[in-house]
Amino acid sequence: MAGFDDQKMGVEVDFSPGAQVPLAGGSGQTAATQALASAAYRDTAVESLVKANGEAVVKPPKLSLFEPNLGEAFSRAVQVRMLGGGRKPLVQSFGTDPQTVVDHCLAANRFRKARDRRLTIVMLVSGVLFLPGVLIWLGGFQLRRSLAGSKDKRAGAVGVAALVGLAGLVLFAAVQLPVDGLLALYLRAMLVAPVVGWLWAKQIAERCAKDLRANWQGLLGGGTVGARIPEAVPQNPGDAEAERLRKALTELAAEQSSNVVFYAGPKGILGMGTRWGSWHLAEELVPRKGTEDINPFRSWDVIRAIHDQLRMLERGPLHTGGFPKPSIRHWIVSPVGEGAKEVSRPDGQEVESFQVRDFEIQRICNEQQFGSGSRHYLGVQFVLWDGQLVLTMMITVTVLHHTLRIEVTGHALGPVNPLFTTKPSPKEKEVSKSIKFWETRKVPLPLVETPEVVRLAVRAPLTWFPPVLDFLGGKLVLPEPFGLRHTWADKPWRHRFMADDALRAATPVLRVVHAAAFRVLEENGVDTEKFGARSQFLSGAVQAAAPDNVDNYGA
C-alpha cells in the first residue's frame, strides 16, 4: 500500500472486536468532514494548501516532472501522518470524523494506483523498448516545464518554442535518416513510439480524472460518496497488511475519542480554538448566618452538580427551538508550549484506550489545582453548521484556602478554509460562433492536458517506491501538532451568524453553571450573598456585543 509505513505499530492493543470500515461522517458533522475529504480527489496545485495554512510546507522537487498535485500530496501526507507506524500523537478533530477523511485518502490512492498500474505498462512498453526516444521527449518536456515555471514570461515562451522545435526535429529525422535497414526502422519507431504511448496514457489518465472529479463533486454537492477501501478488511488469517491497516484505523478512532486535550498558550486548546471569552466568579467561603461552620465538600461535588444541570440545557419554558443536544464531557487539559512540535498523551494504569479513567479525573479535579500538571475541565460542546462551527464552553472549579473560584471560558473553532469548499470547475473555453460571430459558445477541453499526461506517466513506475518519489518530486509537510480540523480552520468571526451563535451560547451556560454551584453551596451552609452579587455582574458582562482575545495577555 503506497504511503503506508511498514514499521511496527507503536500500540499493539486492539480496541475493537472486528474489522470496521466507516463510510460516512457522524451526524451533524458532514459538511466539514466532506470538505476535508474532497481534498484527496483534487487535481489543482499543491501550493494552495500552503496559502490556506502558512505553517504547512511543500518541499521543492528535485525534478519538476515528478512533483505531486494537491490531491496526491494531501492523500500521501495524511495517510502517512495518521496511519504510519510509530507516528506522533494526533490532536482530536472536533466537528469532523477524521477516519472518514482518511478513508477517502485511501480510496483516492486506490483510484490512482489502478491508473498507475496501467501507466506503468505503457512506460514499460514505450520506455524500455524505446528508451532513447523517451529520454529525448522527456528532456524536452522537462526543459519546457522548468522554463515555463519561471516568473519571466518570455522564458515560458522559449520553453514552448523549444518543445515545438523538438517535435519538428523528430519529424524531420523520422523522414530522412542517414542510415537504413533495421536500424532505421528502430530509430523511427524510437521517435514515434513515445507519441503513441502518450495517446494511450492520455485515455487512461482521462478516465481516472473523471472518476476523481466525480467524487470531488459528489462530496461537496451533498451526496453520500462512500470510500471503498477493501484492503482494510482482512481476507484471510494471514493477511498481515490488511490487519495492520485495520488496527491503525481503529487506533485512530480511539484517539479521536480521547478525553485529553492540549492547551498551547495563545493558540488556545488545540482542536477547540482560542478563548474568546472568560468569566470568573471568586468569593470567600463563609458560613451562613446562624451557623458556626460550613459542611466540608470538594470541587468534584460542585462539578458533578453542574454536570447534571447542564444536561437540561436543551429544555426550555417556551417551544421556540433552542439549543441542540450538547456533548458534555470531563476533560483533562495538558499544557504544551506555543511552539511545541508534538504532544504526548498520558499512559499508565490511569489511562485505558487513550481515556483517563474516572477515578483519576476526580483526583485531578480535587487535588491538582495549583502548580504544574494537567487540570480538569468540564466541557459543553455544540457542533453547529454541519460541523463548520464548534463552540466549547469549559468550566473549572478550584478551592484555594477560603476562596472558591468558578471559571467559565468560551472557545470557538471556525469553518474549514474556503479552499476545501470549492467545487470542481469544468475545463472549457469560450469561442465565437462561426456564423453568429457576435455570440459565443463554450467548448469543453480535455481534463488532462499534455504536460499532465507526461507527469502522470513519469510518476507511475515510482509510485511503488513512495520514498523515492518523495525525494524526486517533493512532498507536503503538515504542521505540527497535527489535527485535521484545527489545522485548516478559519476564524468564525467573519461569519455574522456564527459569531452570533457563539455569543448567544455563553449567557445561558454561565447562568446554569452558577445556579448549580449555588445549590451546592447552600446545601453545605455557605453564605451565597456575595456569590449572588458577583454572579449578577457577570450575567451582564457575558452579554458583551463582541468577542475578546483572552489568550493574548498584555505586557
Protein backbone atom coordinates (compact mmCIF):
# COMPACT_ATOMS: atom_id res chain seq x y z
CA MET A 1 0.00 0.00 0.00
CA ALA A 2 1.53 3.27 -1.14
CA GLY A 3 2.28 5.67 1.64
CA PHE A 4 1.71 3.23 4.49
CA ASP A 5 4.68 2.76 6.75
CA ASP A 6 5.62 -0.87 7.26
CA GLN A 7 7.16 -0.28 10.64
CA LYS A 8 5.67 -1.88 13.69
CA MET A 9 2.72 0.00 15.16
CA GLY A 10 3.52 1.72 18.44
CA VAL A 11 0.31 0.45 20.09
CA GLU A 12 -0.45 -3.26 19.96
CA VAL A 13 -3.82 -3.17 21.73
CA ASP A 14 -6.82 -3.93 19.50
CA PHE A 15 -9.62 -1.58 20.54
CA SER A 16 -12.44 -3.15 18.55
CA PRO A 17 -13.88 -6.62 18.10
CA GLY A 18 -13.76 -6.72 14.31
CA ALA A 19 -12.97 -5.00 11.04
CA GLN A 20 -14.77 -1.72 10.64
CA VAL A 21 -14.83 0.45 7.52
CA PRO A 22 -16.95 3.56 8.16
CA LEU A 23 -18.45 5.05 5.01
CA ALA A 24 -19.84 8.37 6.24
CA GLY A 25 -19.23 11.09 8.79
CA GLY A 26 -21.02 11.41 12.08
CA SER A 27 -24.35 13.10 12.48
CA GLY A 28 -24.16 16.87 12.23
CA GLN A 29 -20.56 16.79 11.03
CA THR A 30 -20.92 16.02 7.34
CA ALA A 31 -20.11 19.42 5.78
CA ALA A 32 -16.69 19.87 7.37
CA THR A 33 -15.82 16.19 7.01
CA GLN A 34 -16.72 16.01 3.33
CA ALA A 35 -14.98 19.31 2.59
CA LEU A 36 -11.73 17.99 4.03
CA ALA A 37 -12.19 14.60 2.36
CA SER A 38 -12.68 16.25 -1.04
CA ALA A 39 -9.05 17.43 -0.96
CA ALA A 40 -7.96 13.83 -1.59
CA TYR A 41 -9.55 13.90 -5.07
CA ARG A 42 -8.39 17.32 -6.26
CA ASP A 43 -6.10 17.91 -9.24
CA THR A 44 -5.12 21.53 -8.54
CA ALA A 45 -1.72 22.91 -7.49
CA VAL A 46 -0.45 21.90 -4.05
CA GLU A 47 0.73 25.44 -3.28
CA SER A 48 -2.85 26.43 -2.45
CA LEU A 49 -2.62 24.31 0.72
CA VAL A 50 0.30 26.42 1.89
CA LYS A 51 -1.77 29.57 1.35
CA ALA A 52 -4.56 28.02 3.44
CA ASN A 53 -2.14 27.43 6.34
CA GLY A 54 1.23 29.15 6.33
CA GLU A 55 2.70 26.51 8.66
CA ALA A 56 2.31 23.79 6.04
CA VAL A 57 5.41 23.38 3.87
CA VAL A 58 5.88 21.91 0.41
CA LYS A 59 9.37 20.53 -0.08
CA PRO A 60 10.53 21.56 -3.57
CA PRO A 61 11.05 18.79 -6.13
CA LYS A 62 14.42 17.76 -7.49
CA LEU A 63 12.76 17.40 -10.91
CA SER A 64 9.52 19.26 -11.54
CA LEU A 65 8.18 16.40 -13.70
CA PHE A 66 7.80 14.34 -10.51
CA GLU A 67 6.05 16.94 -8.33
CA PRO A 68 2.61 15.94 -6.96
CA ASN A 69 -0.64 17.84 -7.30
CA LEU A 70 -2.84 18.81 -4.34
CA GLY A 71 -4.77 15.54 -4.13
CA GLU A 72 -1.69 13.36 -4.39
CA ALA A 73 0.28 15.36 -1.82
CA PHE A 74 -2.64 15.67 0.63
CA SER A 75 -3.58 11.97 0.46
CA ARG A 76 0.00 10.84 0.89
CA ALA A 77 0.76 13.24 3.77
CA VAL A 78 -2.46 12.50 5.69
CA GLN A 79 -2.15 8.73 5.20
CA VAL A 80 1.44 8.61 6.46
CA ARG A 81 0.81 11.04 9.32
CA MET A 82 -2.35 9.37 10.63
CA LEU A 83 -1.72 5.70 9.83
CA GLY A 84 2.06 5.34 9.64
CA GLY A 85 3.91 3.17 12.10
CA GLY A 86 5.48 5.00 15.04
CA ARG A 87 3.51 8.15 14.30
CA LYS A 88 3.26 11.01 16.78
CA PRO A 89 0.04 11.56 18.77
CA LEU A 90 -2.73 13.43 16.98
CA VAL A 91 -4.93 16.32 18.05
CA GLN A 92 -8.64 15.49 18.07
CA SER A 93 -10.68 16.81 15.14
CA PHE A 94 -13.85 18.13 16.79
CA GLY A 95 -16.71 18.68 14.39
CA THR A 96 -15.39 16.15 11.89
CA ASP A 97 -14.86 12.44 11.51
CA PRO A 98 -11.12 12.10 10.75
CA GLN A 99 -11.47 8.41 9.99
CA THR A 100 -13.81 9.22 7.11
CA VAL A 101 -11.26 11.71 5.73
CA VAL A 102 -8.51 9.09 5.95
CA ASP A 103 -10.81 6.55 4.29
CA HIS A 104 -11.26 8.91 1.34
CA CYS A 105 -7.50 9.44 1.15
CA LEU A 106 -7.07 5.67 0.91
CA ALA A 107 -9.87 5.44 -1.66
CA ALA A 108 -8.34 8.23 -3.78
CA ASN A 109 -4.97 6.49 -3.68
CA ARG A 110 -6.73 3.30 -4.74
CA PHE A 111 -8.03 5.09 -7.86
CA ARG A 112 -4.55 6.40 -8.59
CA LYS A 113 -2.87 3.03 -8.02
CA ALA A 114 -5.21 1.39 -10.55
CA ARG A 115 -4.34 4.16 -13.03
CA ASP A 116 -0.62 3.93 -12.28
CA ARG A 117 -0.60 0.17 -12.91
CA ARG A 118 -1.81 0.79 -16.45
CA LEU A 119 0.52 3.74 -16.96
CA THR A 120 3.44 1.63 -15.75
CA ILE A 121 2.68 -0.90 -18.50
CA VAL A 122 2.64 1.95 -21.02
CA MET A 123 6.00 3.17 -19.74
CA LEU A 124 7.48 -0.32 -19.86
CA VAL A 125 6.37 -0.84 -23.45
CA SER A 126 7.34 2.57 -24.78
CA GLY A 127 10.06 3.38 -22.25
CA VAL A 128 12.14 0.22 -22.01
CA LEU A 129 11.95 -0.89 -25.64
CA PHE A 130 12.38 2.65 -26.96
CA LEU A 131 14.29 4.26 -24.09
CA PRO A 132 16.43 6.75 -26.09
CA GLY A 133 13.34 8.28 -27.73
CA VAL A 134 11.52 8.56 -24.42
CA LEU A 135 14.51 10.30 -22.83
CA ILE A 136 14.63 12.82 -25.68
CA TRP A 137 10.94 13.64 -25.31
CA LEU A 138 11.12 13.80 -21.52
CA GLY A 139 14.12 16.10 -21.75
CA GLY A 140 12.09 18.46 -23.91
CA PHE A 141 9.14 18.44 -21.53
CA GLN A 142 11.39 18.99 -18.52
CA LEU A 143 13.03 21.94 -20.28
CA ARG A 144 9.64 23.44 -21.11
CA ARG A 145 8.34 22.86 -17.56
CA SER A 146 11.42 24.43 -15.98
CA LEU A 147 11.31 27.48 -18.23
CA ALA A 148 7.53 27.89 -18.10
CA GLY A 149 7.65 27.78 -14.33
CA SER A 150 9.88 30.83 -14.29
CA LYS A 151 8.48 34.20 -13.35
CA ASP A 152 9.82 35.52 -16.65
CA LYS A 153 7.00 35.02 -19.18
CA ARG A 154 9.48 35.09 -22.05
CA ALA A 155 11.21 32.08 -20.57
CA GLY A 156 7.90 30.21 -20.76
CA ALA A 157 7.56 31.12 -24.42
CA VAL A 158 11.10 29.88 -25.02
CA GLY A 159 10.18 26.56 -23.43
CA VAL A 160 7.17 26.13 -25.72
CA ALA A 161 9.28 27.08 -28.74
CA ALA A 162 11.91 24.54 -27.71
CA LEU A 163 9.27 21.79 -27.50
CA VAL A 164 7.84 22.70 -30.90
CA GLY A 165 11.36 22.72 -32.35
CA LEU A 166 12.00 19.29 -30.88
CA ALA A 167 8.81 17.94 -32.46
CA GLY A 168 9.87 19.35 -35.86
CA LEU A 169 13.33 17.82 -35.47
CA VAL A 170 11.81 14.43 -34.64
CA LEU A 171 9.54 14.60 -37.68
CA PHE A 172 12.45 15.54 -39.95
CA ALA A 173 14.66 12.78 -38.53
CA ALA A 174 11.88 10.23 -38.95
CA VAL A 175 11.63 11.04 -42.67
CA GLN A 176 15.30 11.45 -43.55
CA LEU A 177 17.69 9.27 -41.63
CA PRO A 178 21.35 8.77 -42.54
CA VAL A 179 21.01 5.00 -42.02
CA ASP A 180 18.73 2.34 -43.43
CA GLY A 181 17.64 -1.21 -42.70
CA LEU A 182 16.55 -2.45 -39.28
CA LEU A 183 18.40 0.35 -37.51
CA ALA A 184 16.44 2.95 -39.45
CA LEU A 185 13.17 1.23 -38.57
CA TYR A 186 14.15 1.15 -34.90
CA LEU A 187 15.18 4.81 -34.87
CA ARG A 188 11.89 5.83 -36.47
CA ALA A 189 9.94 3.68 -34.02
CA MET A 190 12.04 5.08 -31.15
CA LEU A 191 10.87 8.61 -32.01
CA VAL A 192 7.25 7.74 -32.78
CA ALA A 193 6.55 5.15 -30.02
CA PRO A 194 6.55 7.73 -27.20
CA VAL A 195 3.84 9.67 -29.06
CA VAL A 196 1.72 6.52 -29.38
CA GLY A 197 2.34 5.78 -25.69
CA TRP A 198 1.27 9.33 -24.86
CA LEU A 199 -2.06 8.83 -26.67
CA TRP A 200 -2.61 5.58 -24.78
CA ALA A 201 -1.65 7.18 -21.46
CA LYS A 202 -3.94 10.14 -22.14
CA GLN A 203 -7.01 7.87 -22.36
CA ILE A 204 -6.06 6.15 -19.09
CA ALA A 205 -5.49 9.47 -17.32
CA GLU A 206 -8.77 10.94 -18.62
CA ARG A 207 -10.82 8.04 -17.24
CA CYS A 208 -9.21 8.32 -13.80
CA ALA A 209 -9.61 12.11 -13.77
CA LYS A 210 -13.35 11.75 -14.43
CA ASP A 211 -13.70 9.32 -11.51
CA LEU A 212 -11.73 11.54 -9.14
CA ARG A 213 -13.65 14.66 -10.12
CA ALA A 214 -16.96 12.83 -9.75
CA ASN A 215 -16.08 12.02 -6.13
CA TRP A 216 -14.88 15.58 -5.55
CA GLN A 217 -18.16 16.94 -6.89
CA GLY A 218 -20.23 14.34 -5.02
CA LEU A 219 -18.71 15.16 -1.63
CA LEU A 220 -19.29 18.89 -1.97
CA GLY A 221 -22.64 18.53 -3.69
CA GLY A 222 -24.34 16.97 -0.69
CA GLY A 223 -24.19 13.41 -1.99
CA THR A 224 -23.30 10.32 0.01
CA VAL A 225 -20.00 9.31 -1.55
CA GLY A 226 -18.64 6.31 0.32
CA ALA A 227 -14.95 5.48 0.48
CA ARG A 228 -14.30 1.96 -0.80
CA ILE A 229 -11.21 0.53 0.90
CA PRO A 230 -11.47 -3.28 0.73
CA GLU A 231 -7.78 -3.52 1.59
CA ALA A 232 -8.70 -2.60 5.20
CA VAL A 233 -10.70 -5.83 5.64
CA PRO A 234 -8.52 -8.94 6.10
CA GLN A 235 -9.38 -11.59 3.53
CA ASN A 236 -7.69 -14.45 5.39
CA PRO A 237 -5.91 -15.03 8.73
CA GLY A 238 -2.52 -14.41 7.11
CA ASP A 239 -3.41 -11.04 5.59
CA ALA A 240 -0.98 -9.05 7.74
CA GLU A 241 -1.12 -5.86 5.66
CA ALA A 242 -4.90 -5.53 5.90
CA GLU A 243 -4.87 -6.40 9.60
CA ARG A 244 -2.25 -3.73 10.27
CA LEU A 245 -4.30 -1.14 8.38
CA ARG A 246 -7.47 -2.15 10.21
CA LYS A 247 -5.75 -1.76 13.58
CA ALA A 248 -4.34 1.62 12.55
CA LEU A 249 -7.83 2.85 11.62
CA THR A 250 -9.21 1.53 14.90
CA GLU A 251 -6.44 3.24 16.87
CA LEU A 252 -7.22 6.48 15.04
CA ALA A 253 -10.87 6.25 16.09
CA ALA A 254 -9.86 5.54 19.70
CA GLU A 255 -7.52 8.51 19.82
CA GLN A 256 -10.24 10.75 18.39
CA SER A 257 -12.46 9.89 21.38
CA SER A 258 -9.71 10.61 23.96
CA ASN A 259 -10.64 12.89 26.87
CA VAL A 260 -7.19 14.55 26.97
CA VAL A 261 -6.68 17.86 25.14
CA PHE A 262 -3.74 20.26 24.96
CA TYR A 263 -3.52 23.95 25.80
CA ALA A 264 -0.93 25.79 23.69
CA GLY A 265 -0.93 29.32 25.07
CA PRO A 266 -2.14 31.93 22.53
CA LYS A 267 -3.21 29.10 20.21
CA GLY A 268 -5.79 28.07 22.79
CA ILE A 269 -6.85 24.46 23.27
CA LEU A 270 -5.69 22.59 20.18
CA GLY A 271 -8.72 21.35 18.30
CA MET A 272 -11.16 23.64 20.17
CA GLY A 273 -9.79 27.02 19.16
CA THR A 274 -8.69 30.08 21.09
CA ARG A 275 -10.53 31.52 24.07
CA TRP A 276 -12.80 34.35 23.04
CA GLY A 277 -14.29 34.98 26.49
CA SER A 278 -13.53 34.25 30.14
CA TRP A 279 -15.72 34.87 33.22
CA HIS A 280 -14.54 34.31 36.80
CA LEU A 281 -16.57 34.06 39.96
CA ALA A 282 -14.28 34.01 43.00
CA GLU A 283 -15.55 34.73 46.52
CA GLU A 284 -14.74 33.76 50.10
CA LEU A 285 -16.33 30.68 51.63
CA VAL A 286 -18.02 31.91 54.82
CA PRO A 287 -20.74 30.10 56.83
CA ARG A 288 -24.34 31.23 56.63
CA LYS A 289 -25.58 33.42 59.47
CA GLY A 290 -26.63 31.35 62.45
CA THR A 291 -24.10 28.55 61.74
CA GLU A 292 -20.58 28.15 63.04
CA ASP A 293 -19.01 26.41 60.08
CA ILE A 294 -19.77 25.05 56.63
CA ASN A 295 -20.14 21.40 55.75
CA PRO A 296 -16.99 20.09 54.04
CA PHE A 297 -17.31 19.48 50.30
CA ARG A 298 -14.92 19.11 47.39
CA SER A 299 -14.57 20.58 43.92
CA TRP A 300 -15.89 17.37 42.41
CA ASP A 301 -19.21 17.83 44.28
CA VAL A 302 -19.70 21.20 42.57
CA ILE A 303 -18.62 19.89 39.17
CA ARG A 304 -20.96 16.92 39.41
CA ALA A 305 -23.92 19.21 40.21
CA ILE A 306 -23.00 21.45 37.27
CA HIS A 307 -22.73 18.40 35.01
CA ASP A 308 -26.20 17.19 35.97
CA GLN A 309 -27.75 20.62 35.46
CA LEU A 310 -26.08 21.16 32.07
CA ARG A 311 -27.84 18.08 30.74
CA MET A 312 -31.05 20.13 30.90
CA LEU A 313 -29.74 22.86 28.57
CA GLU A 314 -31.76 21.61 25.60
CA ARG A 315 -35.00 22.11 27.54
CA GLY A 316 -36.72 25.47 27.95
CA PRO A 317 -40.02 27.00 29.07
CA LEU A 318 -41.02 28.02 25.52
CA HIS A 319 -41.45 25.93 22.40
CA THR A 320 -39.16 28.01 20.23
CA GLY A 321 -36.39 25.64 19.26
CA GLY A 322 -33.26 26.49 21.19
CA PHE A 323 -30.13 24.52 21.95
CA PRO A 324 -29.45 21.23 20.18
CA LYS A 325 -28.28 18.43 22.43
CA PRO A 326 -24.72 19.30 23.50
CA SER A 327 -21.83 16.99 24.24
CA ILE A 328 -20.95 17.23 27.94
CA ARG A 329 -17.62 15.66 28.91
CA HIS A 330 -14.96 15.80 31.56
CA TRP A 331 -11.65 16.88 30.01
CA ILE A 332 -8.07 16.66 31.19
CA VAL A 333 -6.19 19.66 29.79
CA SER A 334 -2.40 19.30 29.49
CA PRO A 335 -0.23 22.38 28.90
CA VAL A 336 2.21 22.47 25.96
CA GLY A 337 4.35 25.29 24.64
CA GLU A 338 3.06 27.67 21.99
CA GLY A 339 5.76 26.49 19.57
CA ALA A 340 5.62 22.79 20.53
CA LYS A 341 6.11 20.47 17.56
CA GLU A 342 4.43 17.48 19.16
CA VAL A 343 2.20 16.46 22.03
CA SER A 344 2.37 13.41 24.28
CA ARG A 345 -0.58 11.52 25.66
CA PRO A 346 -0.52 10.16 29.22
CA ASP A 347 -0.12 6.46 29.84
CA GLY A 348 -0.06 4.09 32.78
CA GLN A 349 -2.67 2.43 34.94
CA GLU A 350 -4.81 5.59 34.99
CA VAL A 351 -5.28 5.50 31.20
CA GLU A 352 -7.12 2.97 29.07
CA SER A 353 -7.53 3.28 25.28
CA PHE A 354 -6.42 6.94 25.39
CA GLN A 355 -9.07 7.66 28.06
CA VAL A 356 -8.14 8.91 31.54
CA ARG A 357 -10.20 6.84 33.97
CA ASP A 358 -12.91 8.29 36.20
CA PHE A 359 -11.05 7.92 39.49
CA GLU A 360 -8.05 9.82 38.07
CA ILE A 361 -10.34 12.54 36.72
CA GLN A 362 -11.80 13.02 40.20
CA ARG A 363 -8.33 13.12 41.77
CA ILE A 364 -7.12 15.79 39.36
CA CYS A 365 -10.32 17.81 39.89
CA ASN A 366 -9.96 17.76 43.68
CA GLU A 367 -6.19 17.91 44.16
CA GLN A 368 -4.36 19.22 41.07
CA GLN A 369 -5.44 22.87 41.13
CA PHE A 370 -2.18 24.73 41.66
CA GLY A 371 1.34 24.34 40.25
CA SER A 372 2.47 22.04 37.45
CA GLY A 373 0.46 19.24 35.94
CA SER A 374 -2.72 18.74 34.00
CA ARG A 375 -6.03 20.31 35.03
CA HIS A 376 -9.64 19.19 34.99
CA TYR A 377 -12.35 20.99 32.99
CA LEU A 378 -15.99 20.21 32.36
CA GLY A 379 -16.80 20.92 28.73
CA VAL A 380 -20.08 21.73 26.97
CA GLN A 381 -19.63 21.40 23.22
CA PHE A 382 -22.01 22.36 20.41
CA VAL A 383 -21.25 21.18 16.87
CA LEU A 384 -23.17 23.51 14.56
CA TRP A 385 -23.46 24.33 10.86
CA ASP A 386 -22.86 20.67 9.90
CA GLY A 387 -19.53 20.68 11.67
CA GLN A 388 -18.36 24.03 10.34
CA LEU A 389 -18.64 25.68 13.78
CA VAL A 390 -17.55 24.10 17.06
CA LEU A 391 -18.44 26.00 20.24
CA THR A 392 -17.00 24.77 23.53
CA MET A 393 -17.62 26.20 26.98
CA MET A 394 -15.09 24.95 29.55
CA ILE A 395 -15.84 25.06 33.29
CA THR A 396 -13.35 24.56 36.09
CA VAL A 397 -13.79 24.80 39.88
CA THR A 398 -10.89 25.44 42.26
CA VAL A 399 -10.71 25.92 46.01
CA LEU A 400 -7.63 27.69 47.38
CA HIS A 401 -7.64 28.47 51.11
CA HIS A 402 -11.10 30.03 51.77
CA THR A 403 -11.73 31.09 48.17
CA LEU A 404 -13.95 29.20 45.74
CA ARG A 405 -13.33 30.08 42.12
CA ILE A 406 -15.63 29.08 39.24
CA GLU A 407 -14.24 29.88 35.80
CA VAL A 408 -16.16 29.61 32.52
CA THR A 409 -14.29 30.12 29.23
CA GLY A 410 -15.59 30.13 25.69
CA HIS A 411 -13.71 28.53 22.78
CA ALA A 412 -14.72 28.74 19.13
CA LEU A 413 -13.39 26.80 16.13
CA GLY A 414 -14.45 28.29 12.81
CA PRO A 415 -15.26 26.79 9.41
CA VAL A 416 -12.71 24.98 7.28
CA ASN A 417 -10.75 27.13 4.85
CA PRO A 418 -12.72 28.07 1.69
CA LEU A 419 -10.15 26.13 -0.35
CA PHE A 420 -11.84 22.91 0.77
CA THR A 421 -15.34 24.01 -0.18
CA THR A 422 -14.61 24.96 -3.81
CA LYS A 423 -16.26 22.62 -6.30
CA PRO A 424 -14.52 21.42 -9.48
CA SER A 425 -14.94 23.84 -12.35
CA PRO A 426 -15.41 22.37 -15.84
CA LYS A 427 -12.45 22.75 -18.15
CA GLU A 428 -13.73 24.70 -21.14
CA LYS A 429 -13.06 27.79 -23.18
CA GLU A 430 -15.29 30.39 -24.77
CA VAL A 431 -15.11 30.81 -28.57
CA SER A 432 -17.08 32.83 -31.11
CA LYS A 433 -19.66 31.09 -33.20
CA SER A 434 -18.74 30.62 -36.86
CA ILE A 435 -21.80 32.37 -38.32
CA LYS A 436 -23.19 34.48 -35.48
CA PHE A 437 -19.73 35.74 -34.63
CA TRP A 438 -21.12 38.21 -32.09
CA GLU A 439 -22.25 35.27 -29.97
CA THR A 440 -20.02 32.88 -28.10
CA ARG A 441 -20.20 29.25 -27.09
CA LYS A 442 -18.31 27.13 -24.63
CA VAL A 443 -16.10 24.33 -25.92
CA PRO A 444 -15.07 21.56 -23.49
CA LEU A 445 -11.36 21.00 -23.04
CA PRO A 446 -9.61 17.76 -22.10
CA LEU A 447 -9.49 17.15 -18.35
CA VAL A 448 -5.86 16.13 -18.61
CA GLU A 449 -3.57 18.28 -20.73
CA THR A 450 -0.41 17.07 -22.43
CA PRO A 451 2.07 18.14 -19.72
CA GLU A 452 -0.13 16.47 -17.10
CA VAL A 453 -0.20 13.20 -19.05
CA VAL A 454 3.58 13.23 -19.21
CA ARG A 455 3.85 13.96 -15.48
CA LEU A 456 1.49 11.11 -14.56
CA ALA A 457 3.26 8.65 -16.85
CA VAL A 458 6.69 9.52 -15.47
CA ARG A 459 5.49 9.24 -11.84
CA ALA A 460 3.61 5.97 -12.37
CA PRO A 461 6.53 3.48 -12.09
CA LEU A 462 7.84 5.25 -8.98
CA THR A 463 4.54 5.10 -7.08
CA TRP A 464 5.59 1.63 -5.97
CA PHE A 465 8.56 3.30 -4.21
CA PRO A 466 7.00 6.25 -2.33
CA PRO A 467 10.20 7.41 -0.55
CA VAL A 468 11.99 7.70 -3.90
CA LEU A 469 9.05 9.62 -5.35
CA ASP A 470 9.03 11.93 -2.32
CA PHE A 471 12.75 12.60 -2.81
CA LEU A 472 12.47 13.40 -6.52
CA GLY A 473 9.11 15.17 -6.56
CA GLY A 474 8.92 16.75 -3.12
CA LYS A 475 6.11 16.33 -0.62
CA LEU A 476 3.71 18.14 1.67
CA VAL A 477 4.90 18.53 5.27
CA LEU A 478 1.95 19.02 7.61
CA PRO A 479 2.15 21.49 10.51
CA GLU A 480 2.61 20.08 14.00
CA PRO A 481 0.97 19.31 16.37
CA PHE A 482 -1.33 18.00 13.67
CA GLY A 483 -5.08 17.62 13.72
CA LEU A 484 -7.19 17.61 10.58
CA ARG A 485 -9.80 20.07 11.79
CA HIS A 486 -7.92 22.86 13.57
CA THR A 487 -5.08 22.88 11.01
CA TRP A 488 -7.37 24.14 8.24
CA ALA A 489 -9.87 26.17 10.32
CA ASP A 490 -10.67 29.84 9.78
CA LYS A 491 -11.88 32.30 12.40
CA PRO A 492 -15.66 32.22 12.94
CA TRP A 493 -15.95 35.96 13.50
CA ARG A 494 -16.01 36.70 9.76
CA HIS A 495 -19.41 34.99 9.58
CA ARG A 496 -22.10 37.07 11.30
CA PHE A 497 -24.44 34.21 12.19
CA MET A 498 -21.61 32.02 13.50
CA ALA A 499 -20.40 34.87 15.68
CA ASP A 500 -23.95 35.39 16.96
CA ASP A 501 -24.23 31.71 17.87
CA ALA A 502 -21.01 31.87 19.89
CA LEU A 503 -22.11 34.96 21.79
CA ARG A 504 -25.62 33.65 22.46
CA ALA A 505 -24.45 30.33 23.89
CA ALA A 506 -22.37 31.88 26.67
CA THR A 507 -25.13 33.52 28.72
CA PRO A 508 -27.40 30.50 29.41
CA VAL A 509 -24.41 28.22 30.06
CA LEU A 510 -22.93 30.67 32.55
CA ARG A 511 -26.25 31.03 34.39
CA VAL A 512 -26.77 27.26 34.60
CA VAL A 513 -23.24 26.84 35.98
CA HIS A 514 -23.79 29.48 38.66
CA ALA A 515 -27.23 28.17 39.62
CA ALA A 516 -25.93 24.61 40.06
CA ALA A 517 -22.94 25.81 42.09
CA PHE A 518 -25.13 27.97 44.36
CA ARG A 519 -27.34 24.98 45.12
CA VAL A 520 -24.32 23.00 46.35
CA LEU A 521 -23.09 25.95 48.40
CA GLU A 522 -26.46 26.47 50.04
CA GLU A 523 -26.80 22.76 50.82
CA ASN A 524 -23.47 22.92 52.65
CA GLY A 525 -24.21 26.05 54.71
CA VAL A 526 -22.26 28.63 52.69
CA ASP A 527 -23.37 32.27 52.63
CA THR A 528 -24.12 32.92 48.94
CA GLU A 529 -24.93 36.64 49.16
CA LYS A 530 -21.58 37.79 47.74
CA PHE A 531 -21.59 34.95 45.20
CA GLY A 532 -25.03 36.09 44.03
CA ALA A 533 -23.95 39.72 43.61
CA ARG A 534 -20.90 38.70 41.63
CA SER A 535 -22.98 36.36 39.51
CA GLN A 536 -25.37 39.16 38.57
CA PHE A 537 -22.45 41.31 37.48
CA LEU A 538 -21.07 38.50 35.30
CA SER A 539 -24.53 37.87 33.87
CA GLY A 540 -24.40 41.38 32.46
CA ALA A 541 -20.76 41.21 31.36
CA VAL A 542 -21.29 37.98 29.41
CA GLN A 543 -23.72 39.78 27.11
CA ALA A 544 -20.96 41.88 25.52
CA ALA A 545 -21.57 42.54 21.83
CA ALA A 546 -18.13 41.38 20.63
CA PRO A 547 -15.67 38.57 21.43
CA ASP A 548 -12.32 39.21 23.06
CA ASN A 549 -8.89 37.67 22.57
CA VAL A 550 -8.43 36.33 26.08
CA ASP A 551 -5.27 34.28 25.45
CA ASN A 552 -3.18 37.32 24.45
CA TYR A 553 -2.29 38.96 27.73
CA GLY A 554 -0.88 42.47 27.88
CA ALA A 555 2.79 43.03 28.63
